[in-house]
Protein backbone atom coordinates (compact mmCIF):
# COMPACT_ATOMS: atom_id res chain seq x y z
CA UNK A 1 0.00 0.00 0.00
CA UNK A 2 0.98 3.56 -0.57
CA UNK A 3 2.28 5.49 2.46
CA UNK A 4 -0.15 8.30 1.67
CA UNK A 5 -3.16 5.94 1.82
CA UNK A 6 -1.97 4.38 5.06
CA UNK A 7 -1.46 7.85 6.54
CA UNK A 8 -5.03 8.86 5.65
CA UNK A 9 -6.45 5.62 7.10
CA UNK A 10 -4.56 6.10 10.37
CA UNK A 11 -5.70 9.74 10.65
CA UNK A 12 -9.36 8.97 9.91
CA UNK A 13 -10.45 8.02 13.48
CA UNK A 14 -9.11 11.29 14.91
CA UNK A 15 -10.76 13.35 12.19
CA UNK A 16 -14.09 11.56 12.62
CA UNK A 17 -13.89 11.99 16.40
CA UNK A 18 -13.19 15.71 16.03
CA UNK A 19 -16.05 16.30 13.60
CA UNK A 20 -18.46 14.20 15.67
CA UNK A 21 -17.56 16.02 18.88
CA UNK A 22 -18.08 19.36 17.11
CA UNK A 23 -21.63 18.48 16.10
CA UNK A 24 -22.35 16.85 19.47
CA UNK A 25 -21.22 20.01 21.25
CA UNK A 26 -23.55 22.10 19.06
CA UNK A 27 -26.43 19.80 20.00
CA UNK A 28 -25.48 19.93 23.69
CA UNK A 29 -25.26 23.73 23.60
CA UNK A 30 -28.68 24.07 21.94
CA UNK A 31 -30.33 21.65 24.38
CA UNK A 32 -28.31 23.05 27.33
CA UNK A 33 -27.07 19.60 28.33
CA UNK A 34 -24.50 19.45 31.10
CA UNK A 35 -23.88 23.18 31.18
CA UNK A 36 -22.29 23.23 27.72
CA UNK A 37 -22.27 26.74 26.31
CA UNK A 38 -21.75 27.91 22.74
CA UNK A 39 -18.09 28.58 23.54
CA UNK A 40 -17.44 24.84 23.36
CA UNK A 41 -18.45 24.35 19.70
CA UNK A 42 -16.65 27.56 18.77
CA UNK A 43 -13.41 26.33 20.34
CA UNK A 44 -13.71 22.84 18.83
CA UNK A 45 -14.56 24.35 15.45
CA UNK A 46 -11.52 26.63 15.65
CA UNK A 47 -9.29 23.67 16.48
CA UNK A 48 -10.68 21.72 13.52
CA UNK A 49 -10.21 24.65 11.14
CA UNK A 50 -6.61 25.11 12.28
CA UNK A 51 -5.95 21.37 11.94
CA UNK A 52 -7.26 21.20 8.38
CA UNK A 53 -5.46 24.43 7.46
CA UNK A 54 -2.24 22.92 8.79
CA UNK A 55 -2.80 19.79 6.70
CA UNK A 56 -3.41 21.97 3.67
CA UNK A 57 -0.16 23.84 4.25
CA UNK A 58 1.66 20.56 4.78
CA UNK A 59 0.59 19.23 1.40
CA UNK A 60 1.07 22.59 -0.33
CA UNK A 61 4.67 23.03 0.84
CA UNK A 62 5.60 19.35 0.99
CA UNK A 63 8.67 19.63 -1.22
CA UNK A 64 9.89 22.98 0.10
CA UNK A 65 11.31 21.73 3.41
CA UNK A 66 12.88 18.49 2.21
CA UNK A 67 16.59 18.22 2.82
PDB file of N, CA and C in Angstrom:
ATOM      1  N   UNK A   1       0.833  -1.199   0.000  1.00  0.00           N
ATOM      2  CA  UNK A   1       0.000   0.000   0.000  1.00  0.00           C
ATOM      3  C   UNK A   1       0.870   1.252   0.000  1.00  0.00           C
ATOM      4  N   UNK A   2       0.299   2.267  -0.494  1.00  0.00           N
ATOM      5  CA  UNK A   2       0.976   3.555  -0.570  1.00  0.00           C
ATOM      6  C   UNK A   2       1.038   4.181   0.823  1.00  0.00           C
ATOM      7  N   UNK A   3       2.144   4.841   1.149  1.00  0.00           N
ATOM      8  CA  UNK A   3       2.278   5.489   2.458  1.00  0.00           C
ATOM      9  C   UNK A   3       1.223   6.569   2.659  1.00  0.00           C
ATOM     10  N   UNK A   4       0.850   7.233   1.570  1.00  0.00           N
ATOM     11  CA  UNK A   4      -0.151   8.295   1.666  1.00  0.00           C
ATOM     12  C   UNK A   4      -1.512   7.729   2.060  1.00  0.00           C
ATOM     13  N   UNK A   5      -1.876   6.580   1.495  1.00  0.00           N
ATOM     14  CA  UNK A   5      -3.156   5.940   1.816  1.00  0.00           C
ATOM     15  C   UNK A   5      -3.159   5.460   3.257  1.00  0.00           C
ATOM     16  N   UNK A   6      -2.072   4.841   3.680  1.00  0.00           N
ATOM     17  CA  UNK A   6      -1.968   4.377   5.064  1.00  0.00           C
ATOM     18  C   UNK A   6      -2.053   5.548   6.034  1.00  0.00           C
ATOM     19  N   UNK A   7      -1.416   6.654   5.694  1.00  0.00           N
ATOM     20  CA  UNK A   7      -1.457   7.845   6.536  1.00  0.00           C
ATOM     21  C   UNK A   7      -2.895   8.354   6.696  1.00  0.00           C
ATOM     22  N   UNK A   8      -3.636   8.395   5.599  1.00  0.00           N
ATOM     23  CA  UNK A   8      -5.030   8.856   5.654  1.00  0.00           C
ATOM     24  C   UNK A   8      -5.891   7.911   6.487  1.00  0.00           C
ATOM     25  N   UNK A   9      -5.673   6.599   6.340  1.00  0.00           N
ATOM     26  CA  UNK A   9      -6.450   5.617   7.105  1.00  0.00           C
ATOM     27  C   UNK A   9      -6.169   5.750   8.595  1.00  0.00           C
ATOM     28  N   UNK A  10      -4.920   5.971   8.950  1.00  0.00           N
ATOM     29  CA  UNK A  10      -4.556   6.096  10.366  1.00  0.00           C
ATOM     30  C   UNK A  10      -5.046   7.415  10.971  1.00  0.00           C
ATOM     31  N   UNK A  11      -5.203   8.455  10.159  1.00  0.00           N
ATOM     32  CA  UNK A  11      -5.696   9.743  10.654  1.00  0.00           C
ATOM     33  C   UNK A  11      -7.216   9.799  10.722  1.00  0.00           C
ATOM     34  N   UNK A  12      -7.900   8.923  10.006  1.00  0.00           N
ATOM     35  CA  UNK A  12      -9.357   8.974   9.905  1.00  0.00           C
ATOM     36  C   UNK A  12     -10.083   8.917  11.256  1.00  0.00           C
ATOM     37  N   UNK A  13      -9.717   8.040  12.198  1.00  0.00           N
ATOM     38  CA  UNK A  13     -10.449   8.018  13.478  1.00  0.00           C
ATOM     39  C   UNK A  13     -10.390   9.349  14.229  1.00  0.00           C
ATOM     40  N   UNK A  14      -9.225  10.003  14.221  1.00  0.00           N
ATOM     41  CA  UNK A  14      -9.111  11.289  14.906  1.00  0.00           C
ATOM     42  C   UNK A  14      -9.968  12.353  14.240  1.00  0.00           C
ATOM     43  N   UNK A  15      -9.965  12.372  12.919  1.00  0.00           N
ATOM     44  CA  UNK A  15     -10.757  13.352  12.187  1.00  0.00           C
ATOM     45  C   UNK A  15     -12.241  13.130  12.441  1.00  0.00           C
ATOM     46  N   UNK A  16     -12.684  11.869  12.368  1.00  0.00           N
ATOM     47  CA  UNK A  16     -14.092  11.558  12.620  1.00  0.00           C
ATOM     48  C   UNK A  16     -14.493  11.905  14.060  1.00  0.00           C
ATOM     49  N   UNK A  17     -13.613  11.645  15.000  1.00  0.00           N
ATOM     50  CA  UNK A  17     -13.888  11.992  16.396  1.00  0.00           C
ATOM     51  C   UNK A  17     -14.012  13.500  16.566  1.00  0.00           C
ATOM     52  N   UNK A  18     -13.144  14.251  15.937  1.00  0.00           N
ATOM     53  CA  UNK A  18     -13.195  15.709  16.035  1.00  0.00           C
ATOM     54  C   UNK A  18     -14.465  16.285  15.437  1.00  0.00           C
ATOM     55  N   UNK A  19     -14.837  15.803  14.256  1.00  0.00           N
ATOM     56  CA  UNK A  19     -16.052  16.303  13.600  1.00  0.00           C
ATOM     57  C   UNK A  19     -17.292  15.898  14.385  1.00  0.00           C
ATOM     58  N   UNK A  20     -17.323  14.658  14.869  1.00  0.00           N
ATOM     59  CA  UNK A  20     -18.465  14.199  15.666  1.00  0.00           C
ATOM     60  C   UNK A  20     -18.600  14.997  16.955  1.00  0.00           C
ATOM     61  N   UNK A  21     -17.490  15.258  17.626  1.00  0.00           N
ATOM     62  CA  UNK A  21     -17.563  16.022  18.879  1.00  0.00           C
ATOM     63  C   UNK A  21     -18.000  17.463  18.616  1.00  0.00           C
ATOM     64  N   UNK A  22     -17.637  18.009  17.460  1.00  0.00           N
ATOM     65  CA  UNK A  22     -18.078  19.356  17.111  1.00  0.00           C
ATOM     66  C   UNK A  22     -19.601  19.411  17.007  1.00  0.00           C
ATOM     67  N   UNK A  23     -20.182  18.483  16.251  1.00  0.00           N
ATOM     68  CA  UNK A  23     -21.633  18.479  16.100  1.00  0.00           C
ATOM     69  C   UNK A  23     -22.352  18.090  17.392  1.00  0.00           C
ATOM     70  N   UNK A  24     -21.761  17.200  18.176  1.00  0.00           N
ATOM     71  CA  UNK A  24     -22.347  16.850  19.465  1.00  0.00           C
ATOM     72  C   UNK A  24     -22.330  18.045  20.418  1.00  0.00           C
ATOM     73  N   UNK A  25     -21.280  18.841  20.366  1.00  0.00           N
ATOM     74  CA  UNK A  25     -21.223  20.008  21.245  1.00  0.00           C
ATOM     75  C   UNK A  25     -22.239  21.074  20.810  1.00  0.00           C
ATOM     76  N   UNK A  26     -22.493  21.182  19.514  1.00  0.00           N
ATOM     77  CA  UNK A  26     -23.548  22.102  19.056  1.00  0.00           C
ATOM     78  C   UNK A  26     -24.897  21.647  19.596  1.00  0.00           C
ATOM     79  N   UNK A  27     -25.170  20.347  19.489  1.00  0.00           N
ATOM     80  CA  UNK A  27     -26.434  19.799  19.998  1.00  0.00           C
ATOM     81  C   UNK A  27     -26.544  20.026  21.510  1.00  0.00           C
ATOM     82  N   UNK A  28     -25.463  19.756  22.235  1.00  0.00           N
ATOM     83  CA  UNK A  28     -25.482  19.927  23.693  1.00  0.00           C
ATOM     84  C   UNK A  28     -25.668  21.392  24.068  1.00  0.00           C
ATOM     85  N   UNK A  29     -25.106  22.303  23.305  1.00  0.00           N
ATOM     86  CA  UNK A  29     -25.259  23.728  23.600  1.00  0.00           C
ATOM     87  C   UNK A  29     -26.694  24.189  23.335  1.00  0.00           C
ATOM     88  N   UNK A  30     -27.291  23.688  22.251  1.00  0.00           N
ATOM     89  CA  UNK A  30     -28.676  24.074  21.944  1.00  0.00           C
ATOM     90  C   UNK A  30     -29.640  23.537  22.992  1.00  0.00           C
ATOM     91  N   UNK A  31     -29.442  22.275  23.390  1.00  0.00           N
ATOM     92  CA  UNK A  31     -30.330  21.645  24.378  1.00  0.00           C
ATOM     93  C   UNK A  31     -29.926  21.952  25.818  1.00  0.00           C
ATOM     94  N   UNK A  32     -28.842  22.673  26.009  1.00  0.00           N
ATOM     95  CA  UNK A  32     -28.314  23.047  27.326  1.00  0.00           C
ATOM     96  C   UNK A  32     -28.074  21.813  28.199  1.00  0.00           C
ATOM     97  N   UNK A  33     -27.383  20.850  27.639  1.00  0.00           N
ATOM     98  CA  UNK A  33     -27.072  19.603  28.333  1.00  0.00           C
ATOM     99  C   UNK A  33     -25.742  19.766  29.059  1.00  0.00           C
ATOM    100  N   UNK A  34     -25.729  19.468  30.324  1.00  0.00           N
ATOM    101  CA  UNK A  34     -24.496  19.449  31.097  1.00  0.00           C
ATOM    102  C   UNK A  34     -23.788  20.783  31.217  1.00  0.00           C
ATOM    103  N   UNK A  35     -24.494  21.871  31.044  1.00  0.00           N
ATOM    104  CA  UNK A  35     -23.879  23.178  31.178  1.00  0.00           C
ATOM    105  C   UNK A  35     -22.959  23.552  30.029  1.00  0.00           C
ATOM    106  N   UNK A  36     -23.112  22.911  28.888  1.00  0.00           N
ATOM    107  CA  UNK A  36     -22.289  23.228  27.721  1.00  0.00           C
ATOM    108  C   UNK A  36     -22.788  24.520  27.100  1.00  0.00           C
ATOM    109  N   UNK A  37     -21.898  25.473  26.922  1.00  0.00           N
ATOM    110  CA  UNK A  37     -22.269  26.743  26.310  1.00  0.00           C
ATOM    111  C   UNK A  37     -21.822  26.750  24.855  1.00  0.00           C
ATOM    112  N   UNK A  38     -22.131  27.819  24.141  1.00  0.00           N
ATOM    113  CA  UNK A  38     -21.746  27.913  22.737  1.00  0.00           C
ATOM    114  C   UNK A  38     -20.257  28.182  22.561  1.00  0.00           C
ATOM    115  N   UNK A  39     -19.544  28.420  23.643  1.00  0.00           N
ATOM    116  CA  UNK A  39     -18.086  28.577  23.538  1.00  0.00           C
ATOM    117  C   UNK A  39     -17.427  27.246  23.187  1.00  0.00           C
ATOM    118  N   UNK A  40     -18.011  26.155  23.631  1.00  0.00           N
ATOM    119  CA  UNK A  40     -17.439  24.837  23.360  1.00  0.00           C
ATOM    120  C   UNK A  40     -17.406  24.516  21.863  1.00  0.00           C
ATOM    121  N   UNK A  41     -18.543  24.633  21.138  1.00  0.00           N
ATOM    122  CA  UNK A  41     -18.451  24.345  19.701  1.00  0.00           C
ATOM    123  C   UNK A  41     -17.570  25.343  18.946  1.00  0.00           C
ATOM    124  N   UNK A  42     -17.509  26.571  19.422  1.00  0.00           N
ATOM    125  CA  UNK A  42     -16.651  27.561  18.767  1.00  0.00           C
ATOM    126  C   UNK A  42     -15.186  27.155  18.910  1.00  0.00           C
ATOM    127  N   UNK A  43     -14.794  26.737  20.098  1.00  0.00           N
ATOM    128  CA  UNK A  43     -13.406  26.331  20.338  1.00  0.00           C
ATOM    129  C   UNK A  43     -13.070  25.068  19.552  1.00  0.00           C
ATOM    130  N   UNK A  44     -13.962  24.076  19.580  1.00  0.00           N
ATOM    131  CA  UNK A  44     -13.712  22.842  18.832  1.00  0.00           C
ATOM    132  C   UNK A  44     -13.669  23.134  17.335  1.00  0.00           C
ATOM    133  N   UNK A  45     -14.568  23.981  16.857  1.00  0.00           N
ATOM    134  CA  UNK A  45     -14.565  24.355  15.446  1.00  0.00           C
ATOM    135  C   UNK A  45     -13.275  25.055  15.047  1.00  0.00           C
ATOM    136  N   UNK A  46     -12.783  25.933  15.910  1.00  0.00           N
ATOM    137  CA  UNK A  46     -11.522  26.631  15.647  1.00  0.00           C
ATOM    138  C   UNK A  46     -10.360  25.648  15.578  1.00  0.00           C
ATOM    139  N   UNK A  47     -10.340  24.689  16.484  1.00  0.00           N
ATOM    140  CA  UNK A  47      -9.290  23.674  16.481  1.00  0.00           C
ATOM    141  C   UNK A  47      -9.340  22.860  15.193  1.00  0.00           C
ATOM    142  N   UNK A  48     -10.545  22.478  14.758  1.00  0.00           N
ATOM    143  CA  UNK A  48     -10.685  21.717  13.515  1.00  0.00           C
ATOM    144  C   UNK A  48     -10.235  22.529  12.297  1.00  0.00           C
ATOM    145  N   UNK A  49     -10.615  23.792  12.255  1.00  0.00           N
ATOM    146  CA  UNK A  49     -10.209  24.647  11.138  1.00  0.00           C
ATOM    147  C   UNK A  49      -8.690  24.776  11.095  1.00  0.00           C
ATOM    148  N   UNK A  50      -8.066  24.996  12.240  1.00  0.00           N
ATOM    149  CA  UNK A  50      -6.606  25.107  12.284  1.00  0.00           C
ATOM    150  C   UNK A  50      -5.930  23.796  11.883  1.00  0.00           C
ATOM    151  N   UNK A  51      -6.511  22.673  12.303  1.00  0.00           N
ATOM    152  CA  UNK A  51      -5.947  21.370  11.943  1.00  0.00           C
ATOM    153  C   UNK A  51      -5.979  21.159  10.433  1.00  0.00           C
ATOM    154  N   UNK A  52      -7.145  21.410   9.817  1.00  0.00           N
ATOM    155  CA  UNK A  52      -7.255  21.201   8.379  1.00  0.00           C
ATOM    156  C   UNK A  52      -6.444  22.235   7.592  1.00  0.00           C
ATOM    157  N   UNK A  53      -6.315  23.437   8.109  1.00  0.00           N
ATOM    158  CA  UNK A  53      -5.463  24.432   7.459  1.00  0.00           C
ATOM    159  C   UNK A  53      -3.998  23.995   7.517  1.00  0.00           C
ATOM    160  N   UNK A  54      -3.596  23.440   8.651  1.00  0.00           N
ATOM    161  CA  UNK A  54      -2.237  22.924   8.790  1.00  0.00           C
ATOM    162  C   UNK A  54      -1.974  21.770   7.840  1.00  0.00           C
ATOM    163  N   UNK A  55      -2.951  20.887   7.670  1.00  0.00           N
ATOM    164  CA  UNK A  55      -2.797  19.789   6.705  1.00  0.00           C
ATOM    165  C   UNK A  55      -2.710  20.322   5.290  1.00  0.00           C
ATOM    166  N   UNK A  56      -3.475  21.355   4.998  1.00  0.00           N
ATOM    167  CA  UNK A  56      -3.414  21.973   3.674  1.00  0.00           C
ATOM    168  C   UNK A  56      -2.031  22.557   3.420  1.00  0.00           C
ATOM    169  N   UNK A  57      -1.501  23.257   4.400  1.00  0.00           N
ATOM    170  CA  UNK A  57      -0.164  23.842   4.251  1.00  0.00           C
ATOM    171  C   UNK A  57       0.900  22.761   4.123  1.00  0.00           C
ATOM    172  N   UNK A  58       0.702  21.660   4.837  1.00  0.00           N
ATOM    173  CA  UNK A  58       1.660  20.557   4.776  1.00  0.00           C
ATOM    174  C   UNK A  58       1.728  19.974   3.365  1.00  0.00           C
ATOM    175  N   UNK A  59       0.591  19.782   2.743  1.00  0.00           N
ATOM    176  CA  UNK A  59       0.589  19.227   1.396  1.00  0.00           C
ATOM    177  C   UNK A  59       1.023  20.268   0.367  1.00  0.00           C
ATOM    178  N   UNK A  60       0.711  21.531   0.614  1.00  0.00           N
ATOM    179  CA  UNK A  60       1.072  22.592  -0.327  1.00  0.00           C
ATOM    180  C   UNK A  60       2.588  22.791  -0.392  1.00  0.00           C
ATOM    181  N   UNK A  61       3.233  22.773   0.760  1.00  0.00           N
ATOM    182  CA  UNK A  61       4.668  23.033   0.836  1.00  0.00           C
ATOM    183  C   UNK A  61       5.464  21.763   1.126  1.00  0.00           C
ATOM    184  N   UNK A  62       4.964  20.631   0.676  1.00  0.00           N
ATOM    185  CA  UNK A  62       5.602  19.355   0.994  1.00  0.00           C
ATOM    186  C   UNK A  62       7.052  19.280   0.519  1.00  0.00           C
ATOM    187  N   UNK A  63       7.334  19.725  -0.678  1.00  0.00           N
ATOM    188  CA  UNK A  63       8.674  19.626  -1.218  1.00  0.00           C
ATOM    189  C   UNK A  63       9.605  20.745  -0.812  1.00  0.00           C
ATOM    190  N   UNK A  64       9.082  21.811  -0.226  1.00  0.00           N
ATOM    191  CA  UNK A  64       9.892  22.982   0.100  1.00  0.00           C
ATOM    192  C   UNK A  64      10.884  22.694   1.214  1.00  0.00           C
ATOM    193  N   UNK A  65      10.468  21.926   2.225  1.00  0.00           N
ATOM    194  CA  UNK A  65      11.309  21.734   3.407  1.00  0.00           C
ATOM    195  C   UNK A  65      12.080  20.421   3.400  1.00  0.00           C
ATOM    196  N   UNK A  66      12.087  19.709   2.277  1.00  0.00           N
ATOM    197  CA  UNK A  66      12.878  18.486   2.207  1.00  0.00           C
ATOM    198  C   UNK A  66      14.359  18.828   2.176  1.00  0.00           C
ATOM    199  N   UNK A  67      15.151  17.976   2.809  1.00  0.00           N
ATOM    200  CA  UNK A  67      16.593  18.217   2.821  1.00  0.00           C
ATOM    201  C   UNK A  67      17.293  17.217   1.940  1.00  0.00           C
TER     202      UNK A  67
END
